[in-house]
Amino acid sequence: MSGMPQITVDYSVALTSAFDRRGFALALHPSVAELIGSALPDFKTRFRPITEAVIGTGEDTEAMVHVDLAILPGRDAELKTRLGDLALALLCDHIKPGTGLNTQVTVEVRDIASYHKRVLAL
């Protein structure tokens, strides 16, 4: 069973210099591939800086990183929990301390409802 992982990472722009985004993706891809039996070329991770967000009471000392890890259906709840735990641990490993920000780090693992793909060799 292939996974076709689509990974989207939203992160507070204040974390730009502290968050090793490429390192996170390059660590996440092979780890998830092993768990779900997906080929590395199937992985796609995109990063979106959040320029405006209100967290809690809206203090400037708050930040967030959220990972949406979408895979093809068919995995049980236990595997999804393992994926979420793995992604959360790797994410925390790729955010440098010392920012002075209280950073909420979250991961959602979900099934892709419908997926269509074509690879163009241009």
Protein backbone atom coordinates (compact mmCIF):
# COMPACT_ATOMS: atom_id res chain seq x y z
CA MET A 1 0.00 0.00 0.00
CA SER A 2 1.46 3.33 -0.99
CA GLY A 3 1.05 6.40 1.13
CA MET A 4 1.21 9.41 -1.21
CA PRO A 5 1.96 11.65 1.77
CA GLN A 6 0.98 15.29 1.41
CA ILE A 7 2.51 17.27 4.26
CA THR A 8 1.73 20.90 4.96
CA VAL A 9 3.52 22.82 7.69
CA ASP A 10 2.19 26.15 8.93
CA TYR A 11 4.58 28.05 11.20
CA SER A 12 4.72 31.45 12.86
CA VAL A 13 6.96 33.76 10.86
CA ALA A 14 8.76 34.65 14.12
CA LEU A 15 10.23 31.13 14.04
CA THR A 16 11.76 31.47 10.56
CA SER A 17 15.39 31.48 11.70
CA ALA A 18 14.83 28.94 14.51
CA PHE A 19 12.93 26.31 12.48
CA ASP A 20 15.07 24.06 10.28
CA ARG A 21 12.34 23.31 7.77
CA ARG A 22 14.43 21.44 5.20
CA GLY A 23 16.09 19.35 7.92
CA PHE A 24 12.68 18.48 9.33
CA ALA A 25 11.32 17.34 5.94
CA LEU A 26 14.45 15.33 5.14
CA ALA A 27 14.25 13.56 8.52
CA LEU A 28 10.48 13.03 8.33
CA HIS A 29 10.24 11.55 4.82
CA PRO A 30 12.33 8.38 5.33
CA SER A 31 10.95 7.79 8.82
CA VAL A 32 7.34 7.96 7.65
CA ALA A 33 8.14 5.97 4.48
CA GLU A 34 9.37 3.10 6.62
CA LEU A 35 6.21 3.13 8.76
CA ILE A 36 3.67 3.29 5.93
CA GLY A 37 5.52 1.58 3.09
CA SER A 38 5.62 4.55 0.76
CA ALA A 39 8.39 5.45 -1.69
CA LEU A 40 10.39 8.61 -0.94
CA PRO A 41 9.59 10.24 -4.31
CA ASP A 42 5.91 10.20 -3.26
CA PHE A 43 6.54 12.62 -0.38
CA LYS A 44 5.68 16.27 -0.78
CA THR A 45 6.17 18.76 2.05
CA ARG A 46 5.35 22.43 1.74
CA PHE A 47 5.88 25.18 4.29
CA ARG A 48 3.63 28.17 4.83
CA PRO A 49 4.72 31.01 7.10
CA ILE A 50 1.93 32.46 9.21
CA THR A 51 2.25 36.24 9.17
CA GLU A 52 -0.79 36.83 11.34
CA ALA A 53 -2.33 34.66 14.04
CA VAL A 54 -3.86 35.09 17.46
CA ILE A 55 -2.84 32.44 19.96
CA GLY A 56 -4.46 32.41 23.39
CA THR A 57 -4.65 35.98 24.67
CA GLY A 58 -2.75 37.32 21.67
CA GLU A 59 0.59 37.99 23.35
CA ASP A 60 3.61 38.61 21.08
CA THR A 61 5.47 35.84 22.91
CA GLU A 62 3.23 33.12 21.45
CA ALA A 63 4.07 31.11 18.34
CA MET A 64 2.93 27.92 16.66
CA VAL A 65 3.88 25.18 14.24
CA HIS A 66 1.21 22.84 12.88
CA VAL A 67 1.84 19.82 10.65
CA ASP A 68 -0.95 18.34 8.56
CA LEU A 69 0.18 14.86 7.49
CA ALA A 70 -2.28 13.46 4.96
CA ILE A 71 -2.00 9.85 3.77
CA LEU A 72 -4.14 7.52 1.68
CA PRO A 73 -6.81 5.73 3.73
CA GLY A 74 -6.42 2.22 5.09
CA ARG A 75 -4.15 2.71 8.11
CA ASP A 76 -5.44 1.85 11.56
CA ALA A 77 -5.63 4.27 14.49
CA GLU A 78 -2.52 2.82 16.14
CA LEU A 79 -0.36 3.49 13.08
CA LYS A 80 -1.72 7.03 12.79
CA THR A 81 -0.88 7.60 16.45
CA ARG A 82 2.68 6.36 15.83
CA LEU A 83 2.95 8.68 12.80
CA GLY A 84 1.74 11.63 14.84
CA ASP A 85 4.16 10.91 17.69
CA LEU A 86 7.05 10.50 15.25
CA ALA A 87 6.27 13.73 13.40
CA LEU A 88 5.87 15.64 16.68
CA ALA A 89 9.22 14.42 18.02
CA LEU A 90 11.05 15.25 14.78
CA LEU A 91 9.38 18.64 14.63
CA CYS A 92 10.49 19.52 18.15
CA ASP A 93 14.04 18.38 17.30
CA HIS A 94 14.17 20.90 14.43
CA ILE A 95 13.13 24.02 16.35
CA LYS A 96 16.07 25.68 18.07
CA PRO A 97 15.57 26.83 21.67
CA GLY A 98 16.28 30.37 22.79
CA THR A 99 13.63 32.20 20.77
CA GLY A 100 11.85 33.48 23.87
CA LEU A 101 8.61 32.26 22.32
CA ASN A 102 6.08 29.94 23.91
CA THR A 103 5.63 27.70 20.88
CA GLN A 104 2.68 25.34 20.50
CA VAL A 105 3.67 22.42 18.28
CA THR A 106 0.90 20.22 16.87
CA VAL A 107 0.45 17.42 14.33
CA GLU A 108 -2.69 16.12 12.65
CA VAL A 109 -2.60 12.79 10.79
CA ARG A 110 -5.54 12.33 8.48
CA ASP A 111 -6.73 10.35 5.49
CA ILE A 112 -6.75 11.93 2.05
CA ALA A 113 -10.35 11.89 0.82
CA SER A 114 -9.54 11.83 -2.89
CA TYR A 115 -6.19 11.90 -4.66
CA HIS A 116 -5.18 12.16 -8.31
CA LYS A 117 -1.59 12.32 -9.50
CA ARG A 118 0.38 12.59 -12.70
CA VAL A 119 4.16 13.05 -12.98
CA LEU A 120 5.31 15.09 -15.98
CA ALA A 121 8.87 14.63 -17.19
CA LEU A 122 9.36 17.98 -18.89
